[in-house]
C-alpha atoms as a PDB file:
ATOM      1  CA  MET A   1     -43.844 -17.182 -50.177  1.00  0.00           C
ATOM      2  CA  ASN A   2     -41.462 -16.609 -53.218  1.00  0.00           C
ATOM      3  CA  LEU A   3     -40.939 -19.641 -55.240  1.00  0.00           C
ATOM      4  CA  ASP A   4     -39.307 -17.851 -58.001  1.00  0.00           C
ATOM      5  CA  ILE A   5     -35.816 -19.390 -59.119  1.00  0.00           C
ATOM      6  CA  ASN A   6     -33.494 -16.413 -60.124  1.00  0.00           C
ATOM      7  CA  GLN A   7     -29.755 -15.578 -60.077  1.00  0.00           C
ATOM      8  CA  ASP A   8     -29.612 -14.880 -56.186  1.00  0.00           C
ATOM      9  CA  ASN A   9     -30.799 -18.115 -55.615  1.00  0.00           C
ATOM     10  CA  LEU A  10     -29.886 -20.437 -58.101  1.00  0.00           C
ATOM     11  CA  TYR A  11     -26.878 -21.525 -56.115  1.00  0.00           C
ATOM     12  CA  LEU A  12     -29.377 -23.571 -54.104  1.00  0.00           C
ATOM     13  CA  LEU A  13     -29.931 -26.116 -57.024  1.00  0.00           C
ATOM     14  CA  LEU A  14     -26.786 -26.555 -58.617  1.00  0.00           C
ATOM     15  CA  PRO A  15     -25.118 -28.884 -56.001  1.00  0.00           C
ATOM     16  CA  SER A  16     -27.948 -31.630 -56.526  1.00  0.00           C
ATOM     17  CA  LYS A  17     -27.362 -31.271 -60.367  1.00  0.00           C
ATOM     18  CA  VAL A  18     -23.495 -31.709 -59.971  1.00  0.00           C
ATOM     19  CA  ALA A  19     -23.795 -34.471 -58.149  1.00  0.00           C
ATOM     20  CA  TRP A  20     -25.877 -36.504 -60.409  1.00  0.00           C
ATOM     21  CA  LEU A  21     -23.474 -35.645 -63.243  1.00  0.00           C
ATOM     22  CA  ALA A  22     -20.282 -36.367 -61.081  1.00  0.00           C
ATOM     23  CA  ASP A  23     -21.843 -39.772 -60.420  1.00  0.00           C
ATOM     24  CA  MET A  24     -22.889 -40.342 -64.061  1.00  0.00           C
ATOM     25  CA  MET A  25     -19.329 -39.441 -65.117  1.00  0.00           C
ATOM     26  CA  THR A  26     -17.708 -41.439 -62.718  1.00  0.00           C
ATOM     27  CA  SER A  27     -19.979 -44.397 -63.803  1.00  0.00           C
ATOM     28  CA  ASP A  28     -19.388 -43.794 -67.360  1.00  0.00           C
ATOM     29  CA  LYS A  29     -15.799 -42.691 -67.961  1.00  0.00           C
ATOM     30  CA  GLY A  30     -14.320 -44.383 -64.911  1.00  0.00           C
ATOM     31  CA  ILE A  31     -12.632 -41.658 -63.489  1.00  0.00           C
ATOM     32  CA  GLY A  32     -12.434 -40.378 -59.993  1.00  0.00           C
ATOM     33  CA  ILE A  33     -14.818 -37.999 -58.424  1.00  0.00           C
ATOM     34  CA  VAL A  34     -12.521 -35.530 -58.174  1.00  0.00           C
ATOM     35  CA  ASP A  35     -11.547 -35.594 -61.621  1.00  0.00           C
ATOM     36  CA  ALA A  36     -15.336 -35.720 -62.527  1.00  0.00           C
ATOM     37  CA  MET A  37     -15.811 -32.446 -60.427  1.00  0.00           C
ATOM     38  CA  ILE A  38     -13.075 -30.712 -62.124  1.00  0.00           C
ATOM     39  CA  GLU A  39     -14.515 -31.703 -65.647  1.00  0.00           C
ATOM     40  CA  ILE A  40     -18.308 -30.485 -64.606  1.00  0.00           C
ATOM     41  CA  TYR A  41     -16.933 -27.203 -63.260  1.00  0.00           C
ATOM     42  CA  SER A  42     -14.657 -26.097 -65.874  1.00  0.00           C
ATOM     43  CA  SER A  43     -17.220 -27.235 -68.791  1.00  0.00           C
ATOM     44  CA  ASP A  44     -19.057 -24.896 -70.986  1.00  0.00           C
ATOM     45  CA  THR A  45     -22.372 -26.697 -69.345  1.00  0.00           C
ATOM     46  CA  TYR A  46     -21.750 -25.534 -66.237  1.00  0.00           C
ATOM     47  CA  ARG A  47     -20.716 -22.209 -67.193  1.00  0.00           C
ATOM     48  CA  GLN A  48     -24.403 -22.251 -68.684  1.00  0.00           C
ATOM     49  CA  LEU A  49     -26.254 -23.816 -66.042  1.00  0.00           C
ATOM     50  CA  GLU A  50     -24.935 -21.437 -63.469  1.00  0.00           C
ATOM     51  CA  ASP A  51     -26.509 -18.441 -65.511  1.00  0.00           C
ATOM     52  CA  GLU A  52     -30.307 -18.351 -64.720  1.00  0.00           C
ATOM     53  CA  SER A  53     -31.048 -16.665 -67.950  1.00  0.00           C
ATOM     54  CA  THR A  54     -30.211 -19.938 -70.053  1.00  0.00           C
ATOM     55  CA  LYS A  55     -33.079 -21.996 -68.202  1.00  0.00           C
ATOM     56  CA  MET A  56     -30.613 -24.943 -68.188  1.00  0.00           C
ATOM     57  CA  TRP A  57     -31.743 -25.684 -64.354  1.00  0.00           C
ATOM     58  CA  HIS A  58     -34.763 -26.761 -66.038  1.00  0.00           C
ATOM     59  CA  LEU A  59     -33.047 -29.858 -67.508  1.00  0.00           C
ATOM     60  CA  GLY A  60     -32.314 -33.240 -65.853  1.00  0.00           C
ATOM     61  CA  PRO A  61     -29.001 -34.642 -64.933  1.00  0.00           C
ATOM     62  CA  VAL A  62     -29.539 -37.060 -68.289  1.00  0.00           C
ATOM     63  CA  ALA A  63     -30.150 -33.964 -70.614  1.00  0.00           C
ATOM     64  CA  LEU A  64     -27.443 -31.883 -68.749  1.00  0.00           C
ATOM     65  CA  TYR A  65     -24.888 -34.898 -69.278  1.00  0.00           C
ATOM     66  CA  GLN A  66     -25.604 -35.550 -72.914  1.00  0.00           C
ATOM     67  CA  ASP A  67     -25.126 -31.578 -73.346  1.00  0.00           C
ATOM     68  CA  MET A  68     -21.649 -31.966 -71.631  1.00  0.00           C
ATOM     69  CA  THR A  69     -20.564 -34.816 -73.281  1.00  0.00           C
ATOM     70  CA  ALA A  70     -21.777 -33.495 -76.661  1.00  0.00           C
ATOM     71  CA  SER A  71     -19.886 -30.263 -76.383  1.00  0.00           C
ATOM     72  CA  SER A  72     -16.706 -31.868 -75.436  1.00  0.00           C
END
């Protein structure tokens, strides 16, 4: 069984990370889920997250959220 993460299967990890980020963002910023998702998917953090070579998929939701809020 091949358990390596690569660009072809990285998409399997992204939904759970985005869900965690959206939950944190709605709580922290008091915005709706749709606005949170728009902000996440348009962020530099998400662009890096969806690029396997950055290895940002190793990061947990708190670290990703901190990265996202630091770059805004």
